[in-house]
Amino acid sequence: MRSERPFKRTERVANEIQHILGKIQTQYIDLSDLGFITFSYVTVSPDLKNAKIFFSVVQKKRNIENIQLEMNKRAKAFRKFLGQELRIKFTPQLKFFYDDTMTYTQKIDNIFHDIESKE
């Protein structure tokens, strides 16, 4: 009998990358000049050679476009430290994207709040 794993390999690798990136951020790469950045979600291509990292920012010190550009400039440094910790054949190329779900959720909450207050 073969035991079924709870999720696919790409999902396991994505979770591991997210965990390692958080550790890299606190130990090696200072992002305080951009604001307080958290990595919210990671997706990995099926061949494990590319990873999309979604991040959110609290107390941002620049506009979102500049923060995203700066994060992508630092992708090479993140990849270097990631390669030292991640135990797979290839270290994926990293691409950072701003995760706007918090802003979107807040807008939806405000709409519902406005509807409730009008009733």
C-alpha atoms as a PDB file:
ATOM      1  CA  MET A   1       0.000   0.000   0.000  1.00  0.00           C
ATOM      2  CA  ARG A   2       1.140   3.465  -0.822  1.00  0.00           C
ATOM      3  CA  SER A   3       0.502   6.187   1.718  1.00  0.00           C
ATOM      4  CA  GLU A   4      -0.984   9.363   0.340  1.00  0.00           C
ATOM      5  CA  ARG A   5       0.807  12.598   1.162  1.00  0.00           C
ATOM      6  CA  PRO A   6      -1.309  15.499   2.351  1.00  0.00           C
ATOM      7  CA  PHE A   7      -0.340  17.698  -0.613  1.00  0.00           C
ATOM      8  CA  LYS A   8       1.809  17.920  -3.721  1.00  0.00           C
ATOM      9  CA  ARG A   9       5.572  18.304  -3.749  1.00  0.00           C
ATOM     10  CA  THR A  10       5.313  21.814  -5.190  1.00  0.00           C
ATOM     11  CA  GLU A  11       3.193  22.835  -2.196  1.00  0.00           C
ATOM     12  CA  ARG A  12       5.670  21.318   0.264  1.00  0.00           C
ATOM     13  CA  VAL A  13       8.585  23.101  -1.453  1.00  0.00           C
ATOM     14  CA  ALA A  14       6.609  26.381  -1.510  1.00  0.00           C
ATOM     15  CA  ASN A  15       5.931  26.122   2.237  1.00  0.00           C
ATOM     16  CA  GLU A  16       9.601  25.422   2.896  1.00  0.00           C
ATOM     17  CA  ILE A  17      10.688  28.388   0.743  1.00  0.00           C
ATOM     18  CA  GLN A  18       8.288  30.684   2.613  1.00  0.00           C
ATOM     19  CA  HIS A  19       9.682  29.517   5.940  1.00  0.00           C
ATOM     20  CA  ILE A  20      13.308  29.934   4.827  1.00  0.00           C
ATOM     21  CA  LEU A  21      12.676  33.402   3.324  1.00  0.00           C
ATOM     22  CA  GLY A  22      11.255  34.571   6.639  1.00  0.00           C
ATOM     23  CA  LYS A  23      14.381  33.330   8.370  1.00  0.00           C
ATOM     24  CA  ILE A  24      16.643  34.982   5.777  1.00  0.00           C
ATOM     25  CA  GLN A  25      14.809  38.276   6.214  1.00  0.00           C
ATOM     26  CA  THR A  26      15.365  38.309   9.967  1.00  0.00           C
ATOM     27  CA  GLN A  27      18.982  37.101   9.924  1.00  0.00           C
ATOM     28  CA  TYR A  28      20.711  38.260   6.741  1.00  0.00           C
ATOM     29  CA  ILE A  29      18.828  40.821   4.640  1.00  0.00           C
ATOM     30  CA  ASP A  30      17.609  44.053   6.202  1.00  0.00           C
ATOM     31  CA  LEU A  31      14.305  45.225   4.723  1.00  0.00           C
ATOM     32  CA  SER A  32      13.530  47.860   7.355  1.00  0.00           C
ATOM     33  CA  ASP A  33      14.138  50.671   4.851  1.00  0.00           C
ATOM     34  CA  LEU A  34      11.035  49.460   2.953  1.00  0.00           C
ATOM     35  CA  GLY A  35       8.703  48.869   5.910  1.00  0.00           C
ATOM     36  CA  PHE A  36       7.667  45.764   7.804  1.00  0.00           C
ATOM     37  CA  ILE A  37       7.473  43.043   5.134  1.00  0.00           C
ATOM     38  CA  THR A  38       5.908  39.613   5.563  1.00  0.00           C
ATOM     39  CA  PHE A  39       5.833  36.825   3.018  1.00  0.00           C
ATOM     40  CA  SER A  40       2.217  35.774   2.710  1.00  0.00           C
ATOM     41  CA  TYR A  41       2.220  33.123  -0.003  1.00  0.00           C
ATOM     42  CA  VAL A  42       4.623  31.268  -2.299  1.00  0.00           C
ATOM     43  CA  THR A  43       3.876  29.358  -5.490  1.00  0.00           C
ATOM     44  CA  VAL A  44       6.385  27.156  -7.267  1.00  0.00           C
ATOM     45  CA  SER A  45       6.339  26.017 -10.897  1.00  0.00           C
ATOM     46  CA  PRO A  46       5.912  22.260 -11.509  1.00  0.00           C
ATOM     47  CA  ASP A  47       9.593  21.919 -12.488  1.00  0.00           C
ATOM     48  CA  LEU A  48      10.610  23.730  -9.241  1.00  0.00           C
ATOM     49  CA  LYS A  49      12.764  26.223 -11.172  1.00  0.00           C
ATOM     50  CA  ASN A  50      10.646  29.357 -10.609  1.00  0.00           C
ATOM     51  CA  ALA A  51       8.962  30.701  -7.509  1.00  0.00           C
ATOM     52  CA  LYS A  52       6.532  33.580  -7.082  1.00  0.00           C
ATOM     53  CA  ILE A  53       6.715  35.144  -3.656  1.00  0.00           C
ATOM     54  CA  PHE A  54       3.789  37.277  -2.534  1.00  0.00           C
ATOM     55  CA  PHE A  55       4.485  39.789   0.221  1.00  0.00           C
ATOM     56  CA  SER A  56       2.536  42.334   2.213  1.00  0.00           C
ATOM     57  CA  VAL A  57       3.805  45.524   3.829  1.00  0.00           C
ATOM     58  CA  VAL A  58       2.863  47.167   7.106  1.00  0.00           C
ATOM     59  CA  GLN A  59       4.162  50.642   7.937  1.00  0.00           C
ATOM     60  CA  LYS A  60       5.438  51.107   4.399  1.00  0.00           C
ATOM     61  CA  LYS A  61       8.151  53.700   3.930  1.00  0.00           C
ATOM     62  CA  ARG A  62       7.877  53.889   0.129  1.00  0.00           C
ATOM     63  CA  ASN A  63       5.122  53.390  -2.404  1.00  0.00           C
ATOM     64  CA  ILE A  64       4.237  49.823  -3.378  1.00  0.00           C
ATOM     65  CA  GLU A  65       5.767  49.975  -6.866  1.00  0.00           C
ATOM     66  CA  ASN A  66       9.148  51.034  -5.457  1.00  0.00           C
ATOM     67  CA  ILE A  67       9.000  48.379  -2.747  1.00  0.00           C
ATOM     68  CA  GLN A  68       8.252  45.678  -5.324  1.00  0.00           C
ATOM     69  CA  LEU A  69      11.134  46.888  -7.530  1.00  0.00           C
ATOM     70  CA  GLU A  70      13.488  46.907  -4.549  1.00  0.00           C
ATOM     71  CA  MET A  71      12.410  43.405  -3.500  1.00  0.00           C
ATOM     72  CA  ASN A  72      13.092  42.091  -7.011  1.00  0.00           C
ATOM     73  CA  LYS A  73      16.524  43.782  -6.969  1.00  0.00           C
ATOM     74  CA  ARG A  74      17.300  41.847  -3.776  1.00  0.00           C
ATOM     75  CA  ALA A  75      16.044  38.547  -5.240  1.00  0.00           C
ATOM     76  CA  LYS A  76      19.587  37.441  -6.079  1.00  0.00           C
ATOM     77  CA  ALA A  77      20.676  37.827  -2.444  1.00  0.00           C
ATOM     78  CA  PHE A  78      17.577  35.970  -1.227  1.00  0.00           C
ATOM     79  CA  ARG A  79      18.297  33.195  -3.744  1.00  0.00           C
ATOM     80  CA  LYS A  80      21.886  32.872  -2.533  1.00  0.00           C
ATOM     81  CA  PHE A  81      20.836  32.296   1.074  1.00  0.00           C
ATOM     82  CA  LEU A  82      17.903  30.134  -0.020  1.00  0.00           C
ATOM     83  CA  GLY A  83      20.243  27.834  -1.948  1.00  0.00           C
ATOM     84  CA  GLN A  84      22.248  27.213   1.217  1.00  0.00           C
ATOM     85  CA  GLU A  85      19.176  26.038   3.124  1.00  0.00           C
ATOM     86  CA  LEU A  86      16.880  24.453   0.532  1.00  0.00           C
ATOM     87  CA  ARG A  87      17.703  20.836  -0.250  1.00  0.00           C
ATOM     88  CA  ILE A  88      16.548  20.396  -3.834  1.00  0.00           C
ATOM     89  CA  LYS A  89      18.495  20.030  -7.073  1.00  0.00           C
ATOM     90  CA  PHE A  90      17.875  23.570  -8.353  1.00  0.00           C
ATOM     91  CA  THR A  91      17.417  26.761  -6.395  1.00  0.00           C
ATOM     92  CA  PRO A  92      14.393  28.439  -8.000  1.00  0.00           C
ATOM     93  CA  GLN A  93      14.491  31.878  -9.578  1.00  0.00           C
ATOM     94  CA  LEU A  94      12.572  34.259  -7.316  1.00  0.00           C
ATOM     95  CA  LYS A  95      10.052  36.861  -8.414  1.00  0.00           C
ATOM     96  CA  PHE A  96       8.369  39.074  -5.820  1.00  0.00           C
ATOM     97  CA  PHE A  97       4.790  40.346  -6.098  1.00  0.00           C
ATOM     98  CA  TYR A  98       2.809  42.623  -3.800  1.00  0.00           C
ATOM     99  CA  ASP A  99      -0.090  40.800  -2.164  1.00  0.00           C
ATOM    100  CA  ASP A 100      -3.044  43.186  -2.072  1.00  0.00           C
ATOM    101  CA  THR A 101      -5.549  40.837  -0.433  1.00  0.00           C
ATOM    102  CA  MET A 102      -5.394  42.788   2.844  1.00  0.00           C
ATOM    103  CA  THR A 103      -6.349  46.019   1.059  1.00  0.00           C
ATOM    104  CA  TYR A 104      -9.072  44.245  -0.890  1.00  0.00           C
ATOM    105  CA  THR A 105     -10.458  42.618   2.279  1.00  0.00           C
ATOM    106  CA  GLN A 106     -10.494  45.959   4.044  1.00  0.00           C
ATOM    107  CA  LYS A 107     -12.452  47.553   1.172  1.00  0.00           C
ATOM    108  CA  ILE A 108     -15.031  44.743   1.266  1.00  0.00           C
ATOM    109  CA  ASP A 109     -15.365  45.097   5.060  1.00  0.00           C
ATOM    110  CA  ASN A 110     -15.925  48.839   4.681  1.00  0.00           C
ATOM    111  CA  ILE A 111     -18.642  48.230   2.088  1.00  0.00           C
ATOM    112  CA  PHE A 112     -20.441  45.792   4.402  1.00  0.00           C
ATOM    113  CA  HIS A 113     -20.071  48.185   7.311  1.00  0.00           C
ATOM    114  CA  ASP A 114     -21.592  51.007   5.205  1.00  0.00           C
ATOM    115  CA  ILE A 115     -24.505  48.757   4.210  1.00  0.00           C
ATOM    116  CA  GLU A 116     -25.169  47.808   7.853  1.00  0.00           C
ATOM    117  CA  SER A 117     -25.057  51.419   9.022  1.00  0.00           C
ATOM    118  CA  LYS A 118     -27.611  52.481   6.389  1.00  0.00           C
ATOM    119  CA  GLU A 119     -30.159  49.919   7.536  1.00  0.00           C
END
